[in-house]
């Protein structure tokens, strides 16, 4: 086997390894995002429960233009 072919094969295997590592990292991030979204929805539901007994008109004049 020529040295150039061997070097090319080593470079290709390193590139493939990098792609696998990036794919694994992406999958872990996707799994973490799912858990974060579930936590966010749970927090929003808890906040809505705490606002259930607020009187009518509270927050009606909230300025959100800033």
C-alpha atoms as a PDB file:
ATOM      1  CA  UNK A   1       0.000   0.000   0.000  1.00  0.00           C
ATOM      2  CA  UNK A   2       1.354   3.381  -0.917  1.00  0.00           C
ATOM      3  CA  UNK A   3       1.987   5.962   1.779  1.00  0.00           C
ATOM      4  CA  UNK A   4      -0.431   8.430   0.166  1.00  0.00           C
ATOM      5  CA  UNK A   5      -3.228   5.844   0.145  1.00  0.00           C
ATOM      6  CA  UNK A   6      -2.514   4.929   3.755  1.00  0.00           C
ATOM      7  CA  UNK A   7      -2.537   8.583   4.798  1.00  0.00           C
ATOM      8  CA  UNK A   8      -5.807   9.139   2.942  1.00  0.00           C
ATOM      9  CA  UNK A   9      -7.369   6.128   4.659  1.00  0.00           C
ATOM     10  CA  UNK A  10      -6.292   7.384   8.086  1.00  0.00           C
ATOM     11  CA  UNK A  11      -7.688  10.865   7.371  1.00  0.00           C
ATOM     12  CA  UNK A  12     -10.971   9.388   6.165  1.00  0.00           C
ATOM     13  CA  UNK A  13     -11.312   7.274   9.306  1.00  0.00           C
ATOM     14  CA  UNK A  14     -10.623  10.303  11.495  1.00  0.00           C
ATOM     15  CA  UNK A  15     -13.276  12.287   9.623  1.00  0.00           C
ATOM     16  CA  UNK A  16     -15.741   9.438  10.094  1.00  0.00           C
ATOM     17  CA  UNK A  17     -14.970   9.288  13.820  1.00  0.00           C
ATOM     18  CA  UNK A  18     -15.556  13.030  14.118  1.00  0.00           C
ATOM     19  CA  UNK A  19     -18.913  12.681  12.386  1.00  0.00           C
ATOM     20  CA  UNK A  20     -19.960   9.902  14.767  1.00  0.00           C
ATOM     21  CA  UNK A  21     -18.941  11.983  17.786  1.00  0.00           C
ATOM     22  CA  UNK A  22     -20.914  14.965  16.499  1.00  0.00           C
ATOM     23  CA  UNK A  23     -23.968  12.772  15.902  1.00  0.00           C
ATOM     24  CA  UNK A  24     -23.744  11.393  19.449  1.00  0.00           C
ATOM     25  CA  UNK A  25     -23.453  14.892  20.872  1.00  0.00           C
ATOM     26  CA  UNK A  26     -26.458  16.025  18.847  1.00  0.00           C
ATOM     27  CA  UNK A  27     -28.555  13.107  20.088  1.00  0.00           C
ATOM     28  CA  UNK A  28     -27.650  13.897  23.711  1.00  0.00           C
ATOM     29  CA  UNK A  29     -28.629  17.532  23.164  1.00  0.00           C
ATOM     30  CA  UNK A  30     -31.972  16.481  21.669  1.00  0.00           C
ATOM     31  CA  UNK A  31     -32.671  14.283  24.690  1.00  0.00           C
ATOM     32  CA  UNK A  32     -31.793  17.155  27.030  1.00  0.00           C
ATOM     33  CA  UNK A  33     -34.048  19.528  25.104  1.00  0.00           C
ATOM     34  CA  UNK A  34     -36.978  17.162  25.571  1.00  0.00           C
ATOM     35  CA  UNK A  35     -36.446  17.147  29.330  1.00  0.00           C
ATOM     36  CA  UNK A  36     -36.073  20.941  29.381  1.00  0.00           C
ATOM     37  CA  UNK A  37     -39.317  21.397  27.476  1.00  0.00           C
ATOM     38  CA  UNK A  38     -41.124  19.092  29.893  1.00  0.00           C
ATOM     39  CA  UNK A  39     -39.780  21.118  32.837  1.00  0.00           C
ATOM     40  CA  UNK A  40     -40.831  24.367  31.178  1.00  0.00           C
ATOM     41  CA  UNK A  41     -44.376  23.132  30.582  1.00  0.00           C
ATOM     42  CA  UNK A  42     -44.595  21.876  34.173  1.00  0.00           C
ATOM     43  CA  UNK A  43     -43.412  25.248  35.511  1.00  0.00           C
ATOM     44  CA  UNK A  44     -45.914  27.093  33.350  1.00  0.00           C
ATOM     45  CA  UNK A  45     -48.729  24.902  34.642  1.00  0.00           C
ATOM     46  CA  UNK A  46     -47.692  25.589  38.240  1.00  0.00           C
ATOM     47  CA  UNK A  47     -47.600  29.343  37.563  1.00  0.00           C
ATOM     48  CA  UNK A  48     -51.065  29.228  36.041  1.00  0.00           C
ATOM     49  CA  UNK A  49     -52.379  27.464  39.135  1.00  0.00           C
ATOM     50  CA  UNK A  50     -50.972  30.202  41.366  1.00  0.00           C
ATOM     51  CA  UNK A  51     -52.691  32.861  39.224  1.00  0.00           C
ATOM     52  CA  UNK A  52     -56.064  31.119  39.233  1.00  0.00           C
ATOM     53  CA  UNK A  53     -57.306  33.094  42.273  1.00  0.00           C
ATOM     54  CA  UNK A  54     -56.194  36.536  41.086  1.00  0.00           C
ATOM     55  CA  UNK A  55     -58.986  39.067  40.825  1.00  0.00           C
ATOM     56  CA  UNK A  56     -60.507  40.136  37.524  1.00  0.00           C
ATOM     57  CA  UNK A  57     -58.622  42.878  35.703  1.00  0.00           C
ATOM     58  CA  UNK A  58     -55.267  42.290  37.372  1.00  0.00           C
ATOM     59  CA  UNK A  59     -52.546  42.691  34.750  1.00  0.00           C
ATOM     60  CA  UNK A  60     -54.945  44.162  32.225  1.00  0.00           C
ATOM     61  CA  UNK A  61     -52.931  47.349  31.767  1.00  0.00           C
ATOM     62  CA  UNK A  62     -49.550  45.700  31.334  1.00  0.00           C
ATOM     63  CA  UNK A  63     -47.190  47.605  29.024  1.00  0.00           C
ATOM     64  CA  UNK A  64     -45.202  45.080  26.966  1.00  0.00           C
ATOM     65  CA  UNK A  65     -43.872  47.529  24.344  1.00  0.00           C
ATOM     66  CA  UNK A  66     -40.445  47.890  25.971  1.00  0.00           C
END
